[in-house]
Full PDB file with SEQRES, HELIX, SHEET, SSBOND, CRYST1, ORIGX, SCALE, CONECT and MASTER records, all heavy atoms in Angstrom:
SEQRES   1 A   32  PRO LEU THR LEU ARG ILE HIS VAL LEU ASP ASP GLY ARG          
SEQRES   2 A   32  ARG GLY ALA MET ARG ASP MET ALA ARG GLU GLU GLY VAL          
SEQRES   3 A   32  GLY TYR LEU THR ARG PRO                                      
HELIX    1 AA1 GLY A   15  GLU A   24  1                                  10    
SHEET    1 AA1 2 HIS A   7  LEU A   9  0                                        
SHEET    2 AA1 2 GLY A  27  LEU A  29  1                                        
CRYST1    1.000    1.000    1.000  90.00  90.00  90.00 P 1           1          
ORIGX1      1.000000  0.000000  0.000000        0.00000                         
ORIGX2      0.000000  1.000000  0.000000        0.00000                         
ORIGX3      0.000000  0.000000  1.000000        0.00000                         
SCALE1      1.000000  0.000000  0.000000        0.00000                         
SCALE2      0.000000  1.000000  0.000000        0.00000                         
SCALE3      0.000000  0.000000  1.000000        0.00000                         
ATOM      1  N   PRO A   1       0.841  -1.211   0.000  1.00  0.00           N  
ATOM      2  CA  PRO A   1       0.000   0.000   0.000  1.00  0.00           C  
ATOM      3  C   PRO A   1       0.869   1.252   0.000  1.00  0.00           C  
ATOM      4  O   PRO A   1       1.875   1.333   0.708  1.00  0.00           O  
ATOM      5  CB  PRO A   1      -0.814  -0.132   1.294  1.00  0.00           C  
ATOM      6  CG  PRO A   1      -0.828  -1.607   1.573  1.00  0.00           C  
ATOM      7  CD  PRO A   1       0.490  -2.134   1.098  1.00  0.00           C  
ATOM      8  N   LEU A   2       0.472   2.227  -0.805  1.00  0.00           N  
ATOM      9  CA  LEU A   2       1.308   3.403  -1.019  1.00  0.00           C  
ATOM     10  C   LEU A   2       0.413   4.595  -1.333  1.00  0.00           C  
ATOM     11  O   LEU A   2      -0.547   4.472  -2.095  1.00  0.00           O  
ATOM     12  CB  LEU A   2       2.264   3.145  -2.186  1.00  0.00           C  
ATOM     13  CG  LEU A   2       3.234   4.258  -2.587  1.00  0.00           C  
ATOM     14  CD1 LEU A   2       4.422   4.277  -1.640  1.00  0.00           C  
ATOM     15  CD2 LEU A   2       3.726   4.037  -4.015  1.00  0.00           C  
ATOM     16  N   THR A   3       0.710   5.737  -0.741  1.00  0.00           N  
ATOM     17  CA  THR A   3       0.005   6.959  -1.103  1.00  0.00           C  
ATOM     18  C   THR A   3       0.794   7.640  -2.211  1.00  0.00           C  
ATOM     19  O   THR A   3       1.866   8.214  -1.964  1.00  0.00           O  
ATOM     20  CB  THR A   3      -0.131   7.898   0.102  1.00  0.00           C  
ATOM     21  OG1 THR A   3      -0.850   7.233   1.143  1.00  0.00           O  
ATOM     22  CG2 THR A   3      -0.869   9.166  -0.290  1.00  0.00           C  
ATOM     23  N   LEU A   4       0.307   7.535  -3.432  1.00  0.00           N  
ATOM     24  CA  LEU A   4       0.994   8.088  -4.598  1.00  0.00           C  
ATOM     25  C   LEU A   4       0.214   9.299  -5.109  1.00  0.00           C  
ATOM     26  O   LEU A   4      -0.971   9.185  -5.444  1.00  0.00           O  
ATOM     27  CB  LEU A   4       1.103   7.037  -5.705  1.00  0.00           C  
ATOM     28  CG  LEU A   4       1.775   7.497  -7.002  1.00  0.00           C  
ATOM     29  CD1 LEU A   4       3.250   7.808  -6.767  1.00  0.00           C  
ATOM     30  CD2 LEU A   4       1.620   6.445  -8.094  1.00  0.00           C  
ATOM     31  N   ARG A   5       0.879  10.434  -5.148  1.00  0.00           N  
ATOM     32  CA  ARG A   5       0.236  11.657  -5.636  1.00  0.00           C  
ATOM     33  C   ARG A   5       1.076  12.268  -6.746  1.00  0.00           C  
ATOM     34  O   ARG A   5       2.295  12.445  -6.589  1.00  0.00           O  
ATOM     35  CB  ARG A   5       0.045  12.654  -4.486  1.00  0.00           C  
ATOM     36  CG  ARG A   5      -1.003  12.195  -3.474  1.00  0.00           C  
ATOM     37  CD  ARG A   5      -0.998  13.027  -2.222  1.00  0.00           C  
ATOM     38  NE  ARG A   5       0.231  12.862  -1.462  1.00  0.00           N  
ATOM     39  CZ  ARG A   5       0.364  13.186  -0.180  1.00  0.00           C  
ATOM     40  NH1 ARG A   5      -0.657  13.712   0.477  1.00  0.00           N  
ATOM     41  NH2 ARG A   5       1.503  13.018   0.450  1.00  0.00           N  
ATOM     42  N   ILE A   6       0.408  12.570  -7.846  1.00  0.00           N  
ATOM     43  CA  ILE A   6       1.072  13.120  -9.032  1.00  0.00           C  
ATOM     44  C   ILE A   6       0.702  14.590  -9.139  1.00  0.00           C  
ATOM     45  O   ILE A   6      -0.475  14.951  -9.011  1.00  0.00           O  
ATOM     46  CB  ILE A   6       0.642  12.347 -10.291  1.00  0.00           C  
ATOM     47  CG1 ILE A   6       0.996  10.858 -10.136  1.00  0.00           C  
ATOM     48  CG2 ILE A   6       1.298  12.935 -11.540  1.00  0.00           C  
ATOM     49  CD1 ILE A   6       0.282   9.961 -11.112  1.00  0.00           C  
ATOM     50  N   HIS A   7       1.700  15.435  -9.385  1.00  0.00           N  
ATOM     51  CA  HIS A   7       1.462  16.875  -9.451  1.00  0.00           C  
ATOM     52  C   HIS A   7       2.101  17.434 -10.713  1.00  0.00           C  
ATOM     53  O   HIS A   7       3.296  17.212 -10.967  1.00  0.00           O  
ATOM     54  CB  HIS A   7       2.069  17.581  -8.233  1.00  0.00           C  
ATOM     55  CG  HIS A   7       1.663  16.991  -6.915  1.00  0.00           C  
ATOM     56  ND1 HIS A   7       0.522  17.376  -6.246  1.00  0.00           N  
ATOM     57  CD2 HIS A   7       2.250  16.030  -6.154  1.00  0.00           C  
ATOM     58  CE1 HIS A   7       0.434  16.691  -5.117  1.00  0.00           C  
ATOM     59  NE2 HIS A   7       1.465  15.865  -5.039  1.00  0.00           N  
ATOM     60  N   VAL A   8       1.332  18.167 -11.475  1.00  0.00           N  
ATOM     61  CA  VAL A   8       1.865  18.923 -12.603  1.00  0.00           C  
ATOM     62  C   VAL A   8       2.289  20.291 -12.077  1.00  0.00           C  
ATOM     63  O   VAL A   8       1.452  21.048 -11.567  1.00  0.00           O  
ATOM     64  CB  VAL A   8       0.821  19.070 -13.730  1.00  0.00           C  
ATOM     65  CG1 VAL A   8       1.361  19.952 -14.854  1.00  0.00           C  
ATOM     66  CG2 VAL A   8       0.419  17.701 -14.268  1.00  0.00           C  
ATOM     67  N   LEU A   9       3.570  20.587 -12.162  1.00  0.00           N  
ATOM     68  CA  LEU A   9       4.096  21.875 -11.699  1.00  0.00           C  
ATOM     69  C   LEU A   9       4.229  22.783 -12.924  1.00  0.00           C  
ATOM     70  O   LEU A   9       5.206  22.704 -13.674  1.00  0.00           O  
ATOM     71  CB  LEU A   9       5.458  21.692 -11.021  1.00  0.00           C  
ATOM     72  CG  LEU A   9       5.564  20.600  -9.941  1.00  0.00           C  
ATOM     73  CD1 LEU A   9       6.953  20.617  -9.307  1.00  0.00           C  
ATOM     74  CD2 LEU A   9       4.495  20.778  -8.877  1.00  0.00           C  
ATOM     75  N   ASP A  10       3.258  23.633 -13.113  1.00  0.00           N  
ATOM     76  CA  ASP A  10       3.156  24.407 -14.354  1.00  0.00           C  
ATOM     77  C   ASP A  10       3.630  25.842 -14.158  1.00  0.00           C  
ATOM     78  O   ASP A  10       2.892  26.686 -13.635  1.00  0.00           O  
ATOM     79  CB  ASP A  10       1.709  24.381 -14.851  1.00  0.00           C  
ATOM     80  CG  ASP A  10       1.539  25.130 -16.167  1.00  0.00           C  
ATOM     81  OD1 ASP A  10       2.548  25.302 -16.877  1.00  0.00           O  
ATOM     82  OD2 ASP A  10       0.406  25.543 -16.473  1.00  0.00           O  
ATOM     83  N   ASP A  11       4.847  26.127 -14.610  1.00  0.00           N  
ATOM     84  CA  ASP A  11       5.351  27.496 -14.557  1.00  0.00           C  
ATOM     85  C   ASP A  11       4.816  28.342 -15.716  1.00  0.00           C  
ATOM     86  O   ASP A  11       5.128  29.532 -15.793  1.00  0.00           O  
ATOM     87  CB  ASP A  11       6.882  27.506 -14.584  1.00  0.00           C  
ATOM     88  CG  ASP A  11       7.470  27.779 -13.209  1.00  0.00           C  
ATOM     89  OD1 ASP A  11       6.695  27.938 -12.249  1.00  0.00           O  
ATOM     90  OD2 ASP A  11       8.708  27.832 -13.087  1.00  0.00           O  
ATOM     91  N   GLY A  12       4.042  27.725 -16.586  1.00  0.00           N  
ATOM     92  CA  GLY A  12       3.430  28.474 -17.684  1.00  0.00           C  
ATOM     93  C   GLY A  12       2.056  29.017 -17.344  1.00  0.00           C  
ATOM     94  O   GLY A  12       1.487  29.818 -18.098  1.00  0.00           O  
ATOM     95  N   ARG A  13       1.501  28.534 -16.190  1.00  0.00           N  
ATOM     96  CA  ARG A  13       0.198  29.018 -15.715  1.00  0.00           C  
ATOM     97  C   ARG A  13      -0.857  28.975 -16.828  1.00  0.00           C  
ATOM     98  O   ARG A  13      -1.515  29.973 -17.142  1.00  0.00           O  
ATOM     99  CB  ARG A  13       0.330  30.442 -15.139  1.00  0.00           C  
ATOM    100  CG  ARG A  13       1.204  30.497 -13.904  1.00  0.00           C  
ATOM    101  CD  ARG A  13       1.430  31.900 -13.396  1.00  0.00           C  
ATOM    102  NE  ARG A  13       2.377  32.631 -14.230  1.00  0.00           N  
ATOM    103  CZ  ARG A  13       3.710  32.501 -14.158  1.00  0.00           C  
ATOM    104  NH1 ARG A  13       4.248  31.667 -13.287  1.00  0.00           N  
ATOM    105  NH2 ARG A  13       4.514  33.202 -14.935  1.00  0.00           N  
ATOM    106  N   ARG A  14      -1.024  27.789 -17.406  1.00  0.00           N  
ATOM    107  CA  ARG A  14      -1.911  27.641 -18.567  1.00  0.00           C  
ATOM    108  C   ARG A  14      -3.225  26.982 -18.170  1.00  0.00           C  
ATOM    109  O   ARG A  14      -3.232  25.952 -17.486  1.00  0.00           O  
ATOM    110  CB  ARG A  14      -1.214  26.808 -19.655  1.00  0.00           C  
ATOM    111  CG  ARG A  14      -0.026  27.530 -20.296  1.00  0.00           C  
ATOM    112  CD  ARG A  14       0.873  26.563 -21.039  1.00  0.00           C  
ATOM    113  NE  ARG A  14       1.644  25.722 -20.129  1.00  0.00           N  
ATOM    114  CZ  ARG A  14       2.436  24.726 -20.531  1.00  0.00           C  
ATOM    115  NH1 ARG A  14       2.534  24.444 -21.815  1.00  0.00           N  
ATOM    116  NH2 ARG A  14       3.107  24.012 -19.646  1.00  0.00           N  
ATOM    117  N   GLY A  15      -4.299  27.546 -18.644  1.00  0.00           N  
ATOM    118  CA  GLY A  15      -5.607  26.967 -18.362  1.00  0.00           C  
ATOM    119  C   GLY A  15      -5.757  25.583 -18.954  1.00  0.00           C  
ATOM    120  O   GLY A  15      -6.366  24.685 -18.343  1.00  0.00           O  
ATOM    121  N   ALA A  16      -5.212  25.366 -20.149  1.00  0.00           N  
ATOM    122  CA  ALA A  16      -5.321  24.053 -20.788  1.00  0.00           C  
ATOM    123  C   ALA A  16      -4.586  22.983 -19.975  1.00  0.00           C  
ATOM    124  O   ALA A  16      -5.053  21.834 -19.874  1.00  0.00           O  
ATOM    125  CB  ALA A  16      -4.758  24.117 -22.211  1.00  0.00           C  
ATOM    126  N   MET A  17      -3.462  23.357 -19.374  1.00  0.00           N  
ATOM    127  CA  MET A  17      -2.721  22.392 -18.560  1.00  0.00           C  
ATOM    128  C   MET A  17      -3.491  22.092 -17.276  1.00  0.00           C  
ATOM    129  O   MET A  17      -3.545  20.942 -16.817  1.00  0.00           O  
ATOM    130  CB  MET A  17      -1.336  22.952 -18.228  1.00  0.00           C  
ATOM    131  CG  MET A  17      -0.389  21.932 -17.612  1.00  0.00           C  
ATOM    132  SD  MET A  17       0.094  20.619 -18.771  1.00  0.00           S  
ATOM    133  CE  MET A  17       1.245  21.522 -19.820  1.00  0.00           C  
ATOM    134  N   ARG A  18      -4.102  23.113 -16.690  1.00  0.00           N  
ATOM    135  CA  ARG A  18      -4.923  22.895 -15.500  1.00  0.00           C  
ATOM    136  C   ARG A  18      -6.082  21.958 -15.813  1.00  0.00           C  
ATOM    137  O   ARG A  18      -6.401  21.048 -15.035  1.00  0.00           O  
ATOM    138  CB  ARG A  18      -5.454  24.239 -14.992  1.00  0.00           C  
ATOM    139  CG  ARG A  18      -6.281  24.143 -13.698  1.00  0.00           C  
ATOM    140  CD  ARG A  18      -6.954  25.469 -13.393  1.00  0.00           C  
ATOM    141  NE  ARG A  18      -5.991  26.531 -13.187  1.00  0.00           N  
ATOM    142  CZ  ARG A  18      -5.433  26.809 -12.012  1.00  0.00           C  
ATOM    143  NH1 ARG A  18      -5.780  26.110 -10.938  1.00  0.00           N  
ATOM    144  NH2 ARG A  18      -4.576  27.801 -11.905  1.00  0.00           N  
ATOM    145  N   ASP A  19      -6.708  22.164 -16.970  1.00  0.00           N  
ATOM    146  CA  ASP A  19      -7.842  21.318 -17.359  1.00  0.00           C  
ATOM    147  C   ASP A  19      -7.391  19.875 -17.569  1.00  0.00           C  
ATOM    148  O   ASP A  19      -8.095  18.934 -17.174  1.00  0.00           O  
ATOM    149  CB  ASP A  19      -8.475  21.856 -18.645  1.00  0.00           C  
ATOM    150  CG  ASP A  19      -9.146  23.208 -18.439  1.00  0.00           C  
ATOM    151  OD1 ASP A  19      -9.424  23.560 -17.275  1.00  0.00           O  
ATOM    152  OD2 ASP A  19      -9.377  23.921 -19.447  1.00  0.00           O  
ATOM    153  N   MET A  20      -6.224  19.700 -18.190  1.00  0.00           N  
ATOM    154  CA  MET A  20      -5.715  18.342 -18.404  1.00  0.00           C  
ATOM    155  C   MET A  20      -5.476  17.641 -17.067  1.00  0.00           C  
ATOM    156  O   MET A  20      -5.844  16.470 -16.889  1.00  0.00           O  
ATOM    157  CB  MET A  20      -4.424  18.395 -19.224  1.00  0.00           C  
ATOM    158  CG  MET A  20      -3.824  17.017 -19.560  1.00  0.00           C  
ATOM    159  SD  MET A  20      -2.794  16.310 -18.236  1.00  0.00           S  
ATOM    160  CE  MET A  20      -1.412  17.472 -18.235  1.00  0.00           C  
ATOM    161  N   ALA A  21      -4.865  18.349 -16.110  1.00  0.00           N  
ATOM    162  CA  ALA A  21      -4.599  17.754 -14.802  1.00  0.00           C  
ATOM    163  C   ALA A  21      -5.900  17.365 -14.107  1.00  0.00           C  
ATOM    164  O   ALA A  21      -5.998  16.289 -13.489  1.00  0.00           O  
ATOM    165  CB  ALA A  21      -3.798  18.733 -13.943  1.00  0.00           C  
ATOM    166  N   ARG A  22      -6.920  18.229 -14.231  1.00  0.00           N  
ATOM    167  CA  ARG A  22      -8.214  17.924 -13.619  1.00  0.00           C  
ATOM    168  C   ARG A  22      -8.825  16.682 -14.269  1.00  0.00           C  
ATOM    169  O   ARG A  22      -9.349  15.796 -13.576  1.00  0.00           O  
ATOM    170  CB  ARG A  22      -9.148  19.119 -13.760  1.00  0.00           C  
ATOM    171  CG  ARG A  22     -10.494  18.916 -13.044  1.00  0.00           C  
ATOM    172  CD  ARG A  22     -11.449  20.056 -13.298  1.00  0.00           C  
ATOM    173  NE  ARG A  22     -10.902  21.354 -12.868  1.00  0.00           N  
ATOM    174  CZ  ARG A  22     -10.569  22.323 -13.696  1.00  0.00           C  
ATOM    175  NH1 ARG A  22     -10.737  22.171 -15.005  1.00  0.00           N  
ATOM    176  NH2 ARG A  22     -10.085  23.460 -13.234  1.00  0.00           N  
ATOM    177  N   GLU A  23      -8.767  16.597 -15.593  1.00  0.00           N  
ATOM    178  CA  GLU A  23      -9.347  15.447 -16.296  1.00  0.00           C  
ATOM    179  C   GLU A  23      -8.627  14.147 -15.940  1.00  0.00           C  
ATOM    180  O   GLU A  23      -9.249  13.082 -15.879  1.00  0.00           O  
ATOM    181  CB  GLU A  23      -9.268  15.681 -17.802  1.00  0.00           C  
ATOM    182  CG  GLU A  23     -10.183  16.793 -18.304  1.00  0.00           C  
ATOM    183  CD  GLU A  23      -9.923  17.133 -19.761  1.00  0.00           C  
ATOM    184  OE1 GLU A  23      -9.074  16.438 -20.389  1.00  0.00           O  
ATOM    185  OE2 GLU A  23     -10.544  18.081 -20.274  1.00  0.00           O  
ATOM    186  N   GLU A  24      -7.310  14.246 -15.714  1.00  0.00           N  
ATOM    187  CA  GLU A  24      -6.542  13.039 -15.375  1.00  0.00           C  
ATOM    188  C   GLU A  24      -6.610  12.711 -13.887  1.00  0.00           C  
ATOM    189  O   GLU A  24      -6.107  11.664 -13.459  1.00  0.00           O  
ATOM    190  CB  GLU A  24      -5.072  13.217 -15.792  1.00  0.00           C  
ATOM    191  CG  GLU A  24      -4.853  13.321 -17.294  1.00  0.00           C  
ATOM    192  CD  GLU A  24      -5.168  12.025 -18.020  1.00  0.00           C  
ATOM    193  OE1 GLU A  24      -5.142  10.955 -17.350  1.00  0.00           O  
ATOM    194  OE2 GLU A  24      -5.434  12.061 -19.227  1.00  0.00           O  
ATOM    195  N   GLY A  25      -7.178  13.606 -13.095  1.00  0.00           N  
ATOM    196  CA  GLY A  25      -7.315  13.359 -11.668  1.00  0.00           C  
ATOM    197  C   GLY A  25      -6.017  13.497 -10.898  1.00  0.00           C  
ATOM    198  O   GLY A  25      -5.801  12.793  -9.897  1.00  0.00           O  
ATOM    199  N   VAL A  26      -5.151  14.409 -11.336  1.00  0.00           N  
ATOM    200  CA  VAL A  26      -3.886  14.621 -10.640  1.00  0.00           C  
ATOM    201  C   VAL A  26      -3.815  16.065 -10.159  1.00  0.00           C  
ATOM    202  O   VAL A  26      -4.615  16.916 -10.552  1.00  0.00           O  
ATOM    203  CB  VAL A  26      -2.682  14.300 -11.558  1.00  0.00           C  
ATOM    204  CG1 VAL A  26      -2.739  12.858 -12.026  1.00  0.00           C  
ATOM    205  CG2 VAL A  26      -2.623  15.250 -12.752  1.00  0.00           C  
ATOM    206  N   GLY A  27      -2.833  16.359  -9.305  1.00  0.00           N  
ATOM    207  CA  GLY A  27      -2.692  17.695  -8.758  1.00  0.00           C  
ATOM    208  C   GLY A  27      -2.123  18.682  -9.767  1.00  0.00           C  
ATOM    209  O   GLY A  27      -1.419  18.301 -10.715  1.00  0.00           O  
ATOM    210  N   TYR A  28      -2.436  19.938  -9.551  1.00  0.00           N  
ATOM    211  CA  TYR A  28      -1.925  21.015 -10.411  1.00  0.00           C  
ATOM    212  C   TYR A  28      -1.432  22.130  -9.503  1.00  0.00           C  
ATOM    213  O   TYR A  28      -2.191  22.640  -8.661  1.00  0.00           O  
ATOM    214  CB  TYR A  28      -3.017  21.524 -11.341  1.00  0.00           C  
ATOM    215  CG  TYR A  28      -2.593  22.701 -12.203  1.00  0.00           C  
ATOM    216  CD1 TYR A  28      -1.949  22.507 -13.414  1.00  0.00           C  
ATOM    217  CD2 TYR A  28      -2.848  24.015 -11.795  1.00  0.00           C  
ATOM    218  CE1 TYR A  28      -1.554  23.577 -14.203  1.00  0.00           C  
ATOM    219  CE2 TYR A  28      -2.454  25.093 -12.572  1.00  0.00           C  
ATOM    220  CZ  TYR A  28      -1.806  24.871 -13.779  1.00  0.00           C  
ATOM    221  OH  TYR A  28      -1.415  25.933 -14.555  1.00  0.00           O  
ATOM    222  N   LEU A  29      -0.156  22.490  -9.648  1.00  0.00           N  
ATOM    223  CA  LEU A  29       0.440  23.535  -8.826  1.00  0.00           C  
ATOM    224  C   LEU A  29       1.112  24.574  -9.717  1.00  0.00           C  
ATOM    225  O   LEU A  29       1.795  24.220 -10.680  1.00  0.00           O  
ATOM    226  CB  LEU A  29       1.487  22.942  -7.867  1.00  0.00           C  
ATOM    227  CG  LEU A  29       0.978  21.990  -6.784  1.00  0.00           C  
ATOM    228  CD1 LEU A  29       2.146  21.346  -6.050  1.00  0.00           C  
ATOM    229  CD2 LEU A  29       0.085  22.732  -5.802  1.00  0.00           C  
ATOM    230  N   THR A  30       0.904  25.816  -9.388  1.00  0.00           N  
ATOM    231  CA  THR A  30       1.574  26.898 -10.092  1.00  0.00           C  
ATOM    232  C   THR A  30       1.945  27.965  -9.074  1.00  0.00           C  
ATOM    233  O   THR A  30       1.727  27.806  -7.865  1.00  0.00           O  
ATOM    234  CB  THR A  30       0.689  27.461 -11.213  1.00  0.00           C  
ATOM    235  OG1 THR A  30       1.445  28.386 -11.992  1.00  0.00           O  
ATOM    236  CG2 THR A  30      -0.533  28.154 -10.648  1.00  0.00           C  
ATOM    237  N   ARG A  31       2.505  29.074  -9.539  1.00  0.00           N  
ATOM    238  CA  ARG A  31       2.938  30.144  -8.641  1.00  0.00           C  
ATOM    239  C   ARG A  31       2.877  31.463  -9.399  1.00  0.00           C  
ATOM    240  O   ARG A  31       2.808  31.463 -10.650  1.00  0.00           O  
ATOM    241  CB  ARG A  31       4.353  29.875  -8.122  1.00  0.00           C  
ATOM    242  CG  ARG A  31       5.382  29.624  -9.219  1.00  0.00           C  
ATOM    243  CD  ARG A  31       6.661  29.042  -8.681  1.00  0.00           C  
ATOM    244  NE  ARG A  31       7.620  28.791  -9.766  1.00  0.00           N  
ATOM    245  CZ  ARG A  31       8.887  29.181  -9.757  1.00  0.00           C  
ATOM    246  NH1 ARG A  31       9.363  29.856  -8.720  1.00  0.00           N  
ATOM    247  NH2 ARG A  31       9.692  28.904 -10.761  1.00  0.00           N  
ATOM    248  N   PRO A  32       2.918  32.583  -8.710  1.00  0.00           N  
ATOM    249  CA  PRO A  32       2.714  33.861  -9.386  1.00  0.00           C  
ATOM    250  C   PRO A  32       3.885  34.322 -10.229  1.00  0.00           C  
ATOM    251  O   PRO A  32       3.733  35.188 -11.086  1.00  0.00           O  
ATOM    252  CB  PRO A  32       2.460  34.839  -8.234  1.00  0.00           C  
ATOM    253  CG  PRO A  32       3.103  34.208  -7.047  1.00  0.00           C  
ATOM    254  CD  PRO A  32       2.936  32.733  -7.247  1.00  0.00           C  
TER     255      PRO A  32                                                      
MASTER        0    0    0    1    2    0    0    6  254    1    0    3          
END                                                                             
């Protein structure tokens, strides 16, 4: 048993990338 979490670290702050992460059920992180 393992807690596995996948995160897309998007320095491009793109809406399309956020949508892809949501559709795949993974985390999405960005910064200002």
